[in-house]
Amino acid sequence: MTAFGRAQGDLVDWEIRSVNHRYLEISFRLPEAFRDMEPGLRELVAGRLRRGKIDATLRIANQAGVSPRLNEEALDGLVAAVEDIRRRVPSAGTIDPVEVLRFPGVVRDDEDNLSRFKAAAQRGFRAAIEDLVDHRNSEGARLDGILRERLAILEQGAAAIRELAADHGKVLRDRLRGRVRELVDQVDGERLEQEVALLVQKADVTEELDRLDVHIAETRGSLEAEGPCGRRLDFLMQELNREANTLAAKSVLPQAARIAVDLKVTIEQMREQAQNVE
């Protein structure tokens, strides 16, 4: 979602910046005479983007073209009224030109010329939005490659844990035998096997690995699907992390525990990148 768009013209310049955000939040910096354009511009943004904090700034390239015009008739009437007051009240102070400009009707926009600038602003905004979208698409393609690389790492780690999990029974049996020998000379083989079976059942990670495979496939499918997928990726990162946590907790072999921790690191890297996806 992080990107930058620009459109420069003879009359107006646009700059649009986009950063990460859970929802679509739009802020405009517009000259006062262009404020009435904001609702329509918001609709244009909402039609092209779904997420991100958007800051759009309009600058007038040719300031003289939108300078206010004096309403000479209203100004003459105001000056005449002030002079009349001075005649009646000699102690009255001098006229403040800024206050004169604030008097209703003294300043008016050149509507025809302003319309020309607004039309240019509308065209320029569309161009700047498309430039922003192009930048976001380029960034999205880069993120797609990064996330796919991490998915391959997750698959390799899951396969390694699955291979190591096949030895859980033997490792637990040997470990339990060693502990029992410290207490008694003779071990009840049947009871030992019952205890081993119970421990193996508790340490079984087949379901976690199967769910991990499903979430990896769902993530890859989301990357290949059309349209925004950022929120779905956020959810899938949570699910992947949950399975990695369980694998780490249930790992019997130190090698499996280390791989599970590596999976968590990779998932966190993916989560950071997924926050940039619309």
Protein backbone atom coordinates (compact mmCIF):
# COMPACT_ATOMS: atom_id res chain seq x y z
CA MET A 1 0.00 0.00 0.00
CA THR A 2 3.01 2.30 0.29
CA ALA A 3 3.32 4.36 -2.91
CA PHE A 4 3.55 7.83 -4.42
CA GLY A 5 1.69 9.41 -7.32
CA ARG A 6 2.25 12.74 -9.05
CA ALA A 7 0.73 14.74 -11.88
CA GLN A 8 2.16 18.09 -12.98
CA GLY A 9 0.55 20.53 -15.39
CA ASP A 10 0.59 24.12 -16.52
CA LEU A 11 -2.19 25.07 -14.11
CA VAL A 12 -2.07 22.65 -11.15
CA ASP A 13 0.19 20.00 -9.57
CA TRP A 14 -0.94 16.97 -7.57
CA GLU A 15 1.00 14.82 -5.10
CA ILE A 16 -0.62 11.73 -3.57
CA ARG A 17 1.03 9.55 -0.93
CA SER A 18 -0.17 6.21 0.36
CA VAL A 19 0.99 4.38 3.50
CA ASN A 20 -0.17 1.29 5.36
CA HIS A 21 -3.56 1.36 7.08
CA ARG A 22 -6.22 -1.22 7.96
CA TYR A 23 -8.92 0.81 6.23
CA LEU A 24 -9.17 3.49 3.55
CA GLU A 25 -8.51 6.91 5.10
CA ILE A 26 -8.25 9.93 2.78
CA SER A 27 -6.94 13.42 3.62
CA PHE A 28 -6.90 16.38 1.21
CA ARG A 29 -4.91 19.61 1.25
CA LEU A 30 -6.76 21.93 -1.11
CA PRO A 31 -6.87 25.70 -1.67
CA GLU A 32 -10.07 27.15 -0.28
CA ALA A 33 -11.56 27.80 -3.72
CA PHE A 34 -11.27 24.06 -4.54
CA ARG A 35 -12.88 22.68 -1.36
CA ASP A 36 -16.14 21.88 -3.11
CA MET A 37 -14.28 19.30 -5.25
CA GLU A 38 -13.41 17.09 -2.27
CA PRO A 39 -16.49 14.78 -2.24
CA GLY A 40 -16.03 13.89 -5.90
CA LEU A 41 -12.30 13.31 -5.43
CA ARG A 42 -13.02 10.98 -2.51
CA GLU A 43 -15.29 8.92 -4.73
CA LEU A 44 -12.52 8.64 -7.31
CA VAL A 45 -10.12 7.33 -4.68
CA ALA A 46 -12.65 4.86 -3.28
CA GLY A 47 -13.24 3.55 -6.80
CA ARG A 48 -9.56 2.68 -7.25
CA LEU A 49 -8.27 1.80 -3.76
CA ARG A 50 -9.53 -0.32 -0.88
CA ARG A 51 -6.99 0.21 1.91
CA GLY A 52 -4.31 2.68 2.95
CA LYS A 53 -3.90 6.14 4.41
CA ILE A 54 -4.03 8.54 1.47
CA ASP A 55 -2.71 12.11 1.61
CA ALA A 56 -3.46 14.22 -1.49
CA THR A 57 -2.07 17.73 -1.98
CA LEU A 58 -3.11 20.19 -4.70
CA ARG A 59 -0.78 23.07 -5.56
CA ILE A 60 -1.57 25.87 -8.00
CA ALA A 61 1.14 26.09 -10.63
CA ASN A 62 -0.08 29.43 -11.99
CA GLN A 63 -1.27 31.34 -8.94
CA ALA A 64 -2.22 34.42 -10.93
CA GLY A 65 -4.88 32.44 -12.73
CA VAL A 66 -6.97 31.94 -9.59
CA SER A 67 -6.25 35.22 -7.85
CA PRO A 68 -9.42 36.87 -6.51
CA ARG A 69 -10.87 39.84 -8.37
CA LEU A 70 -12.01 43.05 -6.70
CA ASN A 71 -15.66 43.95 -7.06
CA GLU A 72 -15.01 47.62 -7.80
CA GLU A 73 -18.64 48.63 -7.45
CA ALA A 74 -18.88 47.11 -3.95
CA LEU A 75 -15.47 48.54 -3.03
CA ASP A 76 -16.45 52.04 -4.15
CA GLY A 77 -19.63 51.83 -2.10
CA LEU A 78 -17.71 50.70 0.99
CA VAL A 79 -15.11 53.49 0.63
CA ALA A 80 -17.86 56.08 0.23
CA ALA A 81 -19.53 54.80 3.38
CA VAL A 82 -16.26 54.98 5.30
CA GLU A 83 -15.61 58.53 4.11
CA ASP A 84 -19.09 59.52 5.20
CA ILE A 85 -18.36 58.09 8.65
CA ARG A 86 -15.12 60.08 8.83
CA ARG A 87 -16.94 63.29 8.07
CA ARG A 88 -19.42 62.56 10.79
CA VAL A 89 -16.85 61.15 13.26
CA PRO A 90 -13.47 62.87 12.67
CA SER A 91 -11.81 60.73 15.35
CA ALA A 92 -12.43 57.53 13.37
CA GLY A 93 -9.25 55.61 12.50
CA THR A 94 -7.81 54.74 9.12
CA ILE A 95 -9.04 51.89 6.93
CA ASP A 96 -7.29 48.52 7.27
CA PRO A 97 -7.01 47.11 3.69
CA VAL A 98 -7.18 43.52 4.96
CA GLU A 99 -10.44 44.24 6.75
CA VAL A 100 -11.78 45.80 3.55
CA LEU A 101 -11.02 42.58 1.65
CA ARG A 102 -12.97 40.59 4.24
CA PHE A 103 -16.10 42.67 3.75
CA PRO A 104 -18.78 40.61 1.93
CA GLY A 105 -18.90 41.22 -1.79
CA VAL A 106 -15.63 43.15 -2.09
CA VAL A 107 -13.70 40.10 -3.36
CA ARG A 108 -15.07 37.67 -5.89
CA ASP A 109 -13.58 34.80 -7.83
CA ASP A 110 -13.31 34.81 -11.57
CA GLU A 111 -15.74 31.91 -11.99
CA ASP A 112 -14.91 31.21 -15.63
CA ASN A 113 -11.19 31.10 -14.94
CA LEU A 114 -11.70 29.09 -11.73
CA SER A 115 -13.74 26.51 -13.63
CA ARG A 116 -10.82 26.05 -16.00
CA PHE A 117 -8.51 25.39 -13.05
CA LYS A 118 -10.96 22.95 -11.47
CA ALA A 119 -11.23 21.00 -14.69
CA ALA A 120 -7.43 20.81 -14.82
CA ALA A 121 -7.40 19.69 -11.17
CA GLN A 122 -9.90 16.94 -11.94
CA ARG A 123 -7.84 15.63 -14.87
CA GLY A 124 -4.62 15.90 -12.91
CA PHE A 125 -6.06 14.02 -9.95
CA ARG A 126 -7.09 11.11 -12.16
CA ALA A 127 -3.58 10.97 -13.61
CA ALA A 128 -1.99 11.13 -10.16
CA ILE A 129 -4.22 8.32 -8.88
CA GLU A 130 -3.26 6.13 -11.83
CA ASP A 131 0.40 6.89 -11.16
CA LEU A 132 -0.13 5.90 -7.52
CA VAL A 133 -1.88 2.67 -8.53
CA ASP A 134 0.99 1.82 -10.90
CA HIS A 135 3.47 2.28 -8.06
CA ARG A 136 1.33 0.15 -5.75
CA ASN A 137 1.09 -2.57 -8.39
CA SER A 138 4.88 -2.60 -8.79
CA GLU A 139 5.29 -2.81 -5.03
CA GLY A 140 2.66 -5.56 -4.93
CA ALA A 141 4.56 -7.62 -7.51
CA ARG A 142 7.70 -7.33 -5.38
CA LEU A 143 5.82 -8.36 -2.24
CA ASP A 144 4.27 -11.28 -4.11
CA GLY A 145 7.75 -12.63 -4.84
CA ILE A 146 8.86 -12.18 -1.23
CA LEU A 147 5.78 -13.91 0.19
CA ARG A 148 6.12 -16.83 -2.23
CA GLU A 149 9.75 -17.30 -1.19
CA ARG A 150 8.67 -17.41 2.47
CA LEU A 151 5.93 -19.91 1.68
CA ALA A 152 8.53 -22.22 0.14
CA ILE A 153 10.60 -21.92 3.33
CA LEU A 154 7.54 -22.81 5.41
CA GLU A 155 6.89 -25.87 3.28
CA GLN A 156 10.48 -27.02 3.67
CA GLY A 157 10.33 -26.56 7.43
CA ALA A 158 7.04 -28.40 7.72
CA ALA A 159 8.43 -31.30 5.69
CA ALA A 160 11.48 -31.47 7.96
CA ILE A 161 9.32 -31.54 11.09
CA ARG A 162 7.11 -34.22 9.57
CA GLU A 163 10.18 -36.38 8.90
CA LEU A 164 11.51 -35.86 12.42
CA ALA A 165 8.08 -36.59 13.94
CA ALA A 166 8.30 -40.16 12.62
CA ASP A 167 10.96 -40.85 15.30
CA HIS A 168 8.93 -39.45 18.19
CA GLY A 169 7.88 -42.91 19.40
CA LYS A 170 11.42 -44.28 19.53
CA VAL A 171 12.80 -41.15 21.19
CA LEU A 172 10.06 -41.09 23.82
CA ARG A 173 10.42 -44.82 24.50
CA ASP A 174 14.17 -44.55 25.02
CA ARG A 175 13.76 -41.46 27.17
CA LEU A 176 11.12 -43.13 29.37
CA ARG A 177 13.17 -46.32 29.73
CA GLY A 178 16.09 -44.30 30.94
CA ARG A 179 13.98 -42.55 33.55
CA VAL A 180 12.37 -45.78 34.75
CA ARG A 181 15.72 -47.54 35.11
CA GLU A 182 16.71 -44.91 37.60
CA LEU A 183 13.83 -46.04 39.85
CA VAL A 184 13.48 -49.80 39.42
CA ASP A 185 15.56 -52.72 38.24
CA GLN A 186 12.82 -54.37 36.22
CA VAL A 187 10.55 -52.54 33.86
CA ASP A 188 7.04 -53.73 33.07
CA GLY A 189 7.18 -53.80 29.26
CA GLU A 190 3.41 -53.60 28.80
CA ARG A 191 3.04 -50.62 31.14
CA LEU A 192 5.98 -48.96 29.43
CA GLU A 193 4.35 -49.30 26.03
CA GLN A 194 1.12 -47.84 27.41
CA GLU A 195 2.96 -44.82 28.73
CA VAL A 196 4.87 -44.45 25.46
CA ALA A 197 1.62 -44.60 23.47
CA LEU A 198 0.11 -41.89 25.67
CA LEU A 199 3.14 -39.64 25.28
CA VAL A 200 3.28 -40.22 21.53
CA GLN A 201 -0.39 -39.27 21.26
CA LYS A 202 0.23 -36.04 23.17
CA ALA A 203 3.27 -35.24 21.01
CA ASP A 204 1.53 -36.05 17.71
CA VAL A 205 1.79 -33.06 15.37
CA THR A 206 0.09 -34.56 12.35
CA GLU A 207 -2.98 -32.33 12.62
CA GLU A 208 -0.87 -29.21 13.09
CA LEU A 209 1.24 -30.06 10.05
CA ASP A 210 -1.86 -30.79 7.98
CA ARG A 211 -3.40 -27.46 8.97
CA LEU A 212 -0.12 -25.72 8.22
CA ASP A 213 -0.21 -27.22 4.72
CA VAL A 214 -3.79 -26.01 4.27
CA HIS A 215 -2.93 -22.46 5.39
CA ILE A 216 0.10 -22.38 3.09
CA ALA A 217 -2.09 -23.44 0.17
CA GLU A 218 -4.71 -20.82 1.13
CA THR A 219 -2.03 -18.13 1.26
CA ARG A 220 -0.69 -19.08 -2.15
CA GLY A 221 -4.24 -19.12 -3.51
CA SER A 222 -4.86 -15.63 -2.10
CA LEU A 223 -1.75 -14.34 -3.85
CA GLU A 224 -2.93 -15.79 -7.15
CA ALA A 225 -6.53 -14.51 -6.82
CA GLU A 226 -7.77 -11.30 -8.42
CA GLY A 227 -8.59 -8.31 -6.27
CA PRO A 228 -7.52 -7.13 -2.81
CA CYS A 229 -6.28 -9.87 -0.47
CA GLY A 230 -4.54 -7.96 2.34
CA ARG A 231 -7.10 -8.69 5.06
CA ARG A 232 -7.24 -12.37 4.15
CA LEU A 233 -3.45 -12.52 4.33
CA ASP A 234 -3.58 -10.89 7.78
CA PHE A 235 -5.90 -13.65 8.97
CA LEU A 236 -3.82 -16.42 7.39
CA MET A 237 -0.65 -15.10 9.04
CA GLN A 238 -2.40 -15.45 12.42
CA GLU A 239 -3.40 -19.02 11.62
CA LEU A 240 0.09 -19.94 10.41
CA ASN A 241 1.61 -18.48 13.57
CA ARG A 242 -0.84 -20.43 15.75
CA GLU A 243 0.21 -23.73 14.17
CA ALA A 244 3.91 -22.86 14.45
CA ASN A 245 3.47 -22.09 18.16
CA THR A 246 1.82 -25.46 18.72
CA LEU A 247 4.55 -27.27 16.79
CA ALA A 248 7.20 -25.60 18.92
CA ALA A 249 5.36 -26.53 22.13
CA LYS A 250 4.84 -30.19 21.14
CA SER A 251 8.26 -30.82 19.61
CA VAL A 252 10.07 -33.76 21.18
CA LEU A 253 13.34 -33.44 19.31
CA PRO A 254 15.49 -30.31 19.69
CA GLN A 255 15.91 -30.19 15.91
CA ALA A 256 12.13 -30.03 15.45
CA ALA A 257 11.85 -27.27 18.06
CA ARG A 258 14.51 -25.22 16.28
CA ILE A 259 12.73 -25.65 12.94
CA ALA A 260 9.43 -24.59 14.53
CA VAL A 261 11.09 -21.43 15.84
CA ASP A 262 12.46 -20.76 12.35
CA LEU A 263 8.93 -21.14 11.01
CA LYS A 264 7.72 -18.50 13.46
CA VAL A 265 10.47 -16.12 12.33
CA THR A 266 9.54 -16.66 8.68
CA ILE A 267 5.83 -16.15 9.40
CA GLU A 268 6.58 -12.90 11.23
CA GLN A 269 8.56 -11.70 8.19
CA MET A 270 5.58 -12.56 6.01
CA ARG A 271 3.18 -10.77 8.37
CA GLU A 272 5.25 -7.59 8.12
CA GLN A 273 5.14 -7.75 4.32
CA ALA A 274 1.45 -8.67 4.22
CA GLN A 275 0.62 -5.40 5.99
CA ASN A 276 1.72 -3.64 2.79
CA VAL A 277 -0.79 -5.54 0.67
CA GLU A 278 -4.15 -3.96 -0.19
